[in-house]
Amino acid sequence: LVGLIHGQQTVEKVEEYLAELEFLAQTAGAFTVKTFTQKLKHPNRRTFVGTGKLEEIQAYIESHEDITMVIFDDDLSGKQVGILEEELKVKIVDRSTLILDIFANRAQTAQAKTQVELAQMQYLLPRLTGLWTHLERQRGGIGMRGPGETEIETDRRIVRDKITKLKNKLAQIDKQNQTRRKNRGDMIQVALVGYTNVGKSTLMTYLSKSEVFAEDKLFATLDTTVRKVVFGSMPFLLSDTVGFIRKLPHHLIESFNFILDEVRESDILFHVLVLAHPQHEDHINTVTKTLKDLEITDRPTILIFNKLDLYKKRYFDKLLDDQTKNELLDELYAQHQKKSEYPVVFLSAKEKINIDVL
């Protein structure tokens, strides 16, 4: 894994991004052996990292034959990918490509598959030049300037046509979804939102008493699941949506707009977080910013700090008695409630703790 400390990115932030990148790689089925970071004012236009760092990475790869891939934590241009692959002799992947790969693997319904394909095509379009390096190896001179240009243009046209077709297909699916949503009548709609892997699907399973796929990986849920839940004598609809993540490629947000319609049309938001995660403040900001980008800012919200059991396990000494643990939790709860403009709930969906409070 390779990360760059530049601009607004501090050492701590880059280390945290790389830890997340490792989890992404693991979700995609890769095993991480080494992490490289470098401090630069701005990324190198040709190789992203500096020459010395590139040589260091090259030497490490040469002395470890089992390495088949290098993953960069930022987006690379087609030219950078081409140069890096030639230098390092292994597959080069950037964060967006990795996320797209996971999305492609997770997509189940026609809608999700179409959205992923659209995002892949939009990502590929500006990088097409990097794919035609074999043409540059031809001898220059008169009569040799045509083919490369023509092939790239042909390819661009194919990709653009494909993007148009996919957008039309999505618009068609969205029309059907709108009809389906209209048929729900005037039932209250609640949407679960939050960072990826915070336990939204586990909470959904418990509240709706039905099986919803959940596992300890990033983006376990891509398709929106909607369930009818009856609370006392009050029925409402609960929907589980795709998790958010920092540095999410903008064309991915764009193509997943349709999924987020469930959030747009909801009456109440359940914003789920992990209390035990050291960066949960950052996660709140990421989700809030994404919701702002989608122009969803006026919804009544309940802030749900999930995985309370994990917090106790991770931060409480085994020798502490229950009363002290509860006092510490009450103090923490009061701090969060004071900071938040919304009601706050501490719970564990997995261990069914405090669900009644929610």
Protein backbone atom coordinates (compact mmCIF):
# COMPACT_ATOMS: atom_id res chain seq x y z
CA LEU A 1 0.00 0.00 0.00
CA VAL A 2 1.26 3.49 -0.80
CA GLY A 3 0.07 6.74 0.80
CA LEU A 4 1.21 10.33 0.40
CA ILE A 5 1.43 12.93 3.17
CA HIS A 6 0.67 16.20 1.38
CA GLY A 7 -1.52 19.31 1.58
CA GLN A 8 -4.15 18.89 4.27
CA GLN A 9 -3.21 15.27 5.01
CA THR A 10 -1.30 14.83 8.27
CA VAL A 11 0.78 11.74 9.16
CA GLU A 12 -1.98 10.48 11.50
CA LYS A 13 -4.65 10.96 8.84
CA VAL A 14 -2.63 9.12 6.18
CA GLU A 15 -1.95 6.22 8.58
CA GLU A 16 -5.66 6.01 9.28
CA TYR A 17 -6.53 6.15 5.54
CA LEU A 18 -4.02 3.35 4.92
CA ALA A 19 -5.55 1.22 7.69
CA GLU A 20 -8.90 1.68 5.93
CA LEU A 21 -7.25 0.90 2.57
CA GLU A 22 -5.92 -2.35 4.08
CA PHE A 23 -9.46 -3.26 5.16
CA LEU A 24 -10.69 -2.44 1.64
CA ALA A 25 -7.94 -4.64 0.16
CA GLN A 26 -8.88 -7.44 2.56
CA THR A 27 -12.56 -7.09 1.57
CA ALA A 28 -11.51 -7.43 -2.09
CA GLY A 29 -9.50 -10.56 -1.24
CA ALA A 30 -5.95 -9.15 -1.14
CA PHE A 31 -3.39 -9.68 1.62
CA THR A 32 -1.27 -6.67 2.64
CA VAL A 33 2.43 -7.21 3.37
CA LYS A 34 3.95 -3.72 3.46
CA THR A 35 2.96 -0.05 3.65
CA PHE A 36 4.95 2.89 2.25
CA THR A 37 4.36 6.57 3.00
CA GLN A 38 6.12 9.67 1.74
CA LYS A 39 5.94 13.36 2.57
CA LEU A 40 5.73 15.51 -0.58
CA LYS A 41 4.40 19.01 -1.26
CA HIS A 42 2.26 17.57 -4.06
CA PRO A 43 2.15 14.23 -5.96
CA ASN A 44 4.70 13.65 -8.72
CA ARG A 45 2.97 14.11 -12.10
CA ARG A 46 4.62 11.04 -13.61
CA THR A 47 5.06 8.54 -10.79
CA PHE A 48 2.88 9.97 -7.96
CA VAL A 49 5.72 9.32 -5.43
CA GLY A 50 9.27 10.73 -5.65
CA THR A 51 12.07 8.92 -7.53
CA GLY A 52 13.83 7.74 -4.35
CA LYS A 53 10.62 6.29 -2.87
CA LEU A 54 9.84 4.57 -6.18
CA GLU A 55 13.27 2.91 -6.12
CA GLU A 56 12.64 1.81 -2.51
CA ILE A 57 9.29 0.23 -3.49
CA GLN A 58 10.93 -1.37 -6.54
CA ALA A 59 13.70 -2.92 -4.41
CA TYR A 60 11.14 -4.28 -1.92
CA ILE A 61 9.06 -5.87 -4.71
CA GLU A 62 12.17 -7.44 -6.29
CA SER A 63 13.16 -9.04 -2.97
CA HIS A 64 9.62 -10.38 -2.36
CA GLU A 65 8.51 -12.45 -5.35
CA ASP A 66 5.01 -13.11 -3.98
CA ILE A 67 3.97 -9.43 -4.38
CA THR A 68 1.67 -9.06 -7.39
CA MET A 69 0.07 -5.67 -6.77
CA VAL A 70 0.65 -2.16 -5.43
CA ILE A 71 -2.39 -0.18 -4.22
CA PHE A 72 -2.25 3.63 -4.04
CA ASP A 73 -4.51 5.49 -1.61
CA ASP A 74 -5.29 8.28 -4.10
CA ASP A 75 -6.57 8.33 -7.67
CA LEU A 76 -3.96 7.91 -10.40
CA SER A 77 -4.13 9.11 -14.01
CA GLY A 78 -3.91 6.61 -16.87
CA LYS A 79 -0.40 7.91 -17.63
CA GLN A 80 0.76 7.38 -14.02
CA VAL A 81 -0.61 3.82 -13.99
CA GLY A 82 1.24 3.06 -17.25
CA ILE A 83 4.57 4.45 -16.01
CA LEU A 84 4.28 2.72 -12.60
CA GLU A 85 3.40 -0.65 -14.14
CA GLU A 86 6.40 -0.40 -16.45
CA GLU A 87 8.72 0.55 -13.56
CA LEU A 88 7.45 -1.85 -10.90
CA LYS A 89 6.41 -4.79 -13.16
CA VAL A 90 3.28 -5.49 -11.05
CA LYS A 91 -0.41 -4.56 -11.28
CA ILE A 92 -1.13 -0.98 -10.13
CA VAL A 93 -4.47 -0.21 -8.51
CA ASP A 94 -5.73 3.05 -6.97
CA ARG A 95 -8.38 3.56 -4.26
CA SER A 96 -11.24 4.18 -6.70
CA THR A 97 -10.45 1.07 -8.76
CA LEU A 98 -10.37 -0.99 -5.56
CA ILE A 99 -13.73 0.37 -4.35
CA LEU A 100 -15.24 -0.22 -7.81
CA ASP A 101 -13.94 -3.79 -7.73
CA ILE A 102 -15.60 -4.41 -4.34
CA PHE A 103 -18.83 -2.82 -5.59
CA ALA A 104 -18.79 -5.00 -8.71
CA ASN A 105 -18.34 -8.06 -6.52
CA ARG A 106 -21.13 -7.06 -4.13
CA ALA A 107 -23.79 -5.96 -6.64
CA GLN A 108 -26.76 -8.34 -6.61
CA THR A 109 -29.69 -6.65 -8.35
CA ALA A 110 -29.96 -5.34 -11.91
CA GLN A 111 -29.97 -1.79 -10.54
CA ALA A 112 -26.76 -2.16 -8.50
CA LYS A 113 -24.99 -3.97 -11.35
CA THR A 114 -25.96 -1.21 -13.81
CA GLN A 115 -24.82 1.49 -11.37
CA VAL A 116 -21.44 -0.17 -10.84
CA GLU A 117 -20.93 -0.61 -14.58
CA LEU A 118 -21.80 3.06 -15.17
CA ALA A 119 -19.30 4.17 -12.49
CA GLN A 120 -16.62 1.93 -14.04
CA MET A 121 -17.22 3.39 -17.51
CA GLN A 122 -17.13 6.97 -16.19
CA TYR A 123 -13.89 6.17 -14.40
CA LEU A 124 -12.39 4.55 -17.50
CA LEU A 125 -13.23 7.32 -19.99
CA PRO A 126 -10.52 9.89 -19.05
CA ARG A 127 -7.99 7.07 -18.61
CA LEU A 128 -8.35 5.52 -22.06
CA THR A 129 -5.14 7.10 -23.38
CA GLY A 130 -3.17 5.09 -20.84
CA LEU A 131 -4.48 1.88 -22.39
CA TRP A 132 -3.03 2.57 -25.82
CA THR A 133 0.68 2.63 -24.94
CA HIS A 134 1.44 -0.11 -27.50
CA LEU A 135 0.80 2.42 -30.27
CA GLU A 136 3.39 4.82 -28.93
CA ARG A 137 6.03 2.17 -29.50
CA GLN A 138 5.58 2.40 -33.26
CA ARG A 139 8.24 4.38 -35.09
CA GLY A 140 7.31 8.03 -35.48
CA GLY A 141 7.38 9.92 -38.73
CA ILE A 142 5.08 10.65 -41.66
CA GLY A 143 2.14 8.32 -42.04
CA MET A 144 2.50 7.04 -38.50
CA ARG A 145 0.39 9.59 -36.68
CA GLY A 146 -3.07 8.34 -37.55
CA PRO A 147 -3.83 4.92 -36.09
CA GLY A 148 -3.29 5.72 -32.40
CA GLU A 149 -5.58 8.71 -32.46
CA THR A 150 -8.27 6.86 -34.40
CA GLU A 151 -8.26 3.87 -32.07
CA ILE A 152 -8.52 6.03 -28.97
CA GLU A 153 -11.37 8.01 -30.51
CA THR A 154 -13.19 4.80 -31.54
CA ASP A 155 -12.79 3.50 -28.01
CA ARG A 156 -13.99 6.73 -26.47
CA ARG A 157 -17.08 6.63 -28.65
CA ILE A 158 -17.84 3.03 -27.60
CA VAL A 159 -17.47 3.98 -23.92
CA ARG A 160 -19.61 7.13 -24.31
CA ASP A 161 -22.36 5.15 -26.06
CA LYS A 162 -22.24 2.58 -23.30
CA ILE A 163 -22.54 5.34 -20.64
CA THR A 164 -25.63 6.76 -22.41
CA LYS A 165 -27.24 3.28 -22.59
CA LEU A 166 -26.54 2.60 -18.91
CA LYS A 167 -27.96 5.99 -17.87
CA ASN A 168 -31.14 5.27 -19.84
CA LYS A 169 -31.41 1.82 -18.28
CA LEU A 170 -31.01 3.34 -14.79
CA ALA A 171 -33.65 5.98 -15.52
CA GLN A 172 -36.03 3.15 -16.51
CA ILE A 173 -35.31 1.20 -13.29
CA ASP A 174 -35.75 4.42 -11.28
CA LYS A 175 -39.17 5.00 -12.87
CA GLN A 176 -40.25 1.52 -11.70
CA ASN A 177 -38.87 2.23 -8.22
CA GLN A 178 -40.77 5.50 -8.00
CA THR A 179 -44.01 3.69 -8.85
CA ARG A 180 -43.22 1.12 -6.16
CA ARG A 181 -42.51 3.91 -3.63
CA LYS A 182 -45.80 5.66 -4.48
CA ASN A 183 -47.68 2.44 -3.76
CA ARG A 184 -46.39 2.45 -0.18
CA GLY A 185 -48.97 5.03 0.74
CA ASP A 186 -48.33 7.50 3.51
CA MET A 187 -46.46 5.22 5.91
CA ILE A 188 -43.63 6.83 7.90
CA GLN A 189 -40.28 6.02 6.28
CA VAL A 190 -37.08 5.58 8.28
CA ALA A 191 -33.66 5.23 6.61
CA LEU A 192 -30.51 3.81 8.16
CA VAL A 193 -27.47 5.84 7.14
CA GLY A 194 -23.86 5.78 8.28
CA TYR A 195 -20.28 4.94 7.49
CA THR A 196 -19.61 1.53 5.96
CA ASN A 197 -19.38 -1.42 8.40
CA VAL A 198 -21.03 0.23 11.41
CA GLY A 199 -23.68 -2.48 11.84
CA LYS A 200 -26.67 -0.97 9.96
CA SER A 201 -27.70 -4.35 8.52
CA THR A 202 -27.44 -6.09 11.92
CA LEU A 203 -29.70 -3.42 13.43
CA MET A 204 -32.08 -3.76 10.47
CA THR A 205 -32.24 -7.55 10.96
CA TYR A 206 -33.13 -7.18 14.62
CA LEU A 207 -35.70 -4.39 14.21
CA SER A 208 -37.45 -5.98 11.23
CA LYS A 209 -37.10 -9.59 12.52
CA SER A 210 -36.03 -10.68 9.04
CA GLU A 211 -32.78 -11.86 7.55
CA VAL A 212 -30.68 -9.07 6.03
CA PHE A 213 -27.16 -9.88 4.83
CA ALA A 214 -24.49 -8.57 7.21
CA GLU A 215 -20.79 -9.34 7.66
CA ASP A 216 -17.66 -7.69 8.98
CA LYS A 217 -16.50 -6.30 5.66
CA LEU A 218 -16.75 -2.94 3.94
CA PHE A 219 -19.78 -2.43 1.67
CA ALA A 220 -21.51 -5.69 2.65
CA THR A 221 -24.76 -3.98 1.59
CA LEU A 222 -25.04 -2.35 -1.82
CA ASP A 223 -28.71 -2.77 -2.59
CA THR A 224 -31.33 -0.95 -0.60
CA THR A 225 -33.44 -3.28 1.52
CA VAL A 226 -36.83 -2.05 2.70
CA ARG A 227 -38.78 -3.82 5.46
CA LYS A 228 -42.08 -3.12 7.18
CA VAL A 229 -41.67 -2.81 10.95
CA VAL A 230 -44.53 -2.57 13.45
CA PHE A 231 -43.79 -0.64 16.64
CA GLY A 232 -46.68 -1.10 19.09
CA SER A 233 -49.59 -0.52 16.72
CA MET A 234 -47.64 1.86 14.48
CA PRO A 235 -46.31 0.37 11.20
CA PHE A 236 -43.41 2.09 9.44
CA LEU A 237 -40.93 1.32 6.66
CA LEU A 238 -37.26 0.85 7.45
CA SER A 239 -34.63 0.94 4.70
CA ASP A 240 -30.97 -0.04 4.83
CA THR A 241 -28.68 1.76 2.36
CA VAL A 242 -25.11 1.57 1.08
CA GLY A 243 -22.49 2.73 3.62
CA PHE A 244 -20.48 5.90 3.05
CA ILE A 245 -16.68 6.10 3.05
CA ARG A 246 -14.06 8.86 2.95
CA LYS A 247 -12.52 9.69 -0.43
CA LEU A 248 -15.44 8.03 -2.22
CA PRO A 249 -15.02 8.59 -5.98
CA HIS A 250 -17.47 11.34 -7.03
CA HIS A 251 -18.68 9.38 -10.09
CA LEU A 252 -19.63 6.58 -7.69
CA ILE A 253 -21.77 8.95 -5.62
CA GLU A 254 -23.26 10.19 -8.88
CA SER A 255 -24.16 6.73 -10.18
CA PHE A 256 -25.46 5.62 -6.78
CA ASN A 257 -27.78 8.58 -6.57
CA PHE A 258 -30.77 6.35 -7.25
CA ILE A 259 -30.08 4.13 -4.23
CA LEU A 260 -29.96 7.24 -2.06
CA ASP A 261 -33.48 8.20 -3.17
CA GLU A 262 -34.65 6.04 -0.25
CA VAL A 263 -32.77 8.42 2.06
CA ARG A 264 -34.15 11.48 0.25
CA GLU A 265 -37.73 10.30 0.67
CA SER A 266 -37.41 9.26 4.30
CA ASP A 267 -39.11 11.07 7.18
CA ILE A 268 -36.55 10.10 9.84
CA LEU A 269 -32.86 9.17 9.66
CA PHE A 270 -31.13 6.65 11.92
CA HIS A 271 -27.48 7.74 11.73
CA VAL A 272 -25.48 4.71 12.91
CA LEU A 273 -21.90 5.01 14.25
CA VAL A 274 -19.43 2.78 16.06
CA LEU A 275 -18.72 4.05 19.55
CA ALA A 276 -15.50 2.02 19.79
CA HIS A 277 -14.06 3.45 16.56
CA PRO A 278 -11.38 6.06 17.40
CA GLN A 279 -12.35 8.09 14.32
CA HIS A 280 -16.12 8.13 14.78
CA GLU A 281 -16.09 11.97 14.79
CA ASP A 282 -14.55 11.83 11.32
CA HIS A 283 -17.20 9.33 10.24
CA ILE A 284 -19.96 11.72 11.41
CA ASN A 285 -18.41 14.47 9.28
CA THR A 286 -18.13 12.21 6.19
CA VAL A 287 -21.77 11.13 6.43
CA THR A 288 -22.99 14.68 7.17
CA LYS A 289 -21.00 16.05 4.20
CA THR A 290 -22.35 13.32 1.86
CA LEU A 291 -25.92 14.04 3.00
CA LYS A 292 -25.29 17.77 2.44
CA ASP A 293 -24.02 17.02 -1.10
CA LEU A 294 -27.26 15.13 -1.70
CA GLU A 295 -29.21 18.08 -0.28
CA ILE A 296 -30.60 16.04 2.62
CA THR A 297 -30.16 18.35 5.61
CA ASP A 298 -33.55 18.90 7.20
CA ARG A 299 -34.48 15.41 8.41
CA PRO A 300 -35.18 14.58 12.07
CA THR A 301 -32.31 12.27 13.07
CA ILE A 302 -31.44 9.84 15.85
CA LEU A 303 -27.71 9.36 16.43
CA ILE A 304 -27.15 5.67 17.20
CA PHE A 305 -23.78 4.68 18.66
CA ASN A 306 -23.65 0.94 17.94
CA LYS A 307 -21.31 -1.88 19.09
CA LEU A 308 -21.47 -0.90 22.77
CA ASP A 309 -20.24 -4.42 23.62
CA LEU A 310 -17.09 -3.80 21.56
CA TYR A 311 -16.50 -0.50 23.37
CA LYS A 312 -16.68 -2.18 26.78
CA LYS A 313 -14.35 -4.96 25.63
CA ARG A 314 -11.85 -2.56 24.09
CA TYR A 315 -11.77 0.27 26.64
CA PHE A 316 -12.84 -1.12 30.02
CA ASP A 317 -10.48 -2.87 32.39
CA LYS A 318 -11.70 -6.35 33.36
CA LEU A 319 -11.23 -5.45 37.05
CA LEU A 320 -13.73 -2.57 36.90
CA ASP A 321 -17.03 -3.26 38.67
CA ASP A 322 -20.32 -2.81 36.83
CA GLN A 323 -21.26 0.37 38.69
CA THR A 324 -18.01 2.15 37.64
CA LYS A 325 -18.48 0.96 34.03
CA ASN A 326 -22.02 2.34 33.98
CA GLU A 327 -20.90 5.65 35.49
CA LEU A 328 -18.17 6.02 32.83
CA LEU A 329 -20.68 5.22 30.09
CA ASP A 330 -23.18 7.72 31.52
CA GLU A 331 -20.48 10.38 31.46
CA LEU A 332 -19.56 9.55 27.86
CA TYR A 333 -23.23 9.57 26.88
CA ALA A 334 -23.73 13.00 28.48
CA GLN A 335 -20.72 14.37 26.53
CA HIS A 336 -22.12 13.13 23.22
CA GLN A 337 -25.63 14.30 23.96
CA LYS A 338 -24.29 17.78 24.83
CA LYS A 339 -22.38 17.96 21.52
CA SER A 340 -25.22 16.67 19.35
CA GLU A 341 -28.26 18.53 18.12
CA TYR A 342 -30.04 15.16 17.83
CA PRO A 343 -31.16 12.55 20.41
CA VAL A 344 -28.36 10.06 21.12
CA VAL A 345 -28.68 6.31 21.84
CA PHE A 346 -25.90 3.92 22.93
CA LEU A 347 -26.69 0.31 21.98
CA SER A 348 -25.43 -3.01 20.68
CA ALA A 349 -27.53 -4.47 17.85
CA LYS A 350 -25.59 -7.73 18.00
CA GLU A 351 -25.96 -8.24 21.77
CA LYS A 352 -29.44 -6.62 21.86
CA ILE A 353 -28.38 -4.06 24.51
CA ASN A 354 -30.47 -0.85 24.90
CA ILE A 355 -32.64 -1.55 21.85
CA ASP A 356 -35.68 -0.62 23.99
CA VAL A 357 -34.17 2.87 24.44
CA LEU A 358 -34.10 3.30 20.65
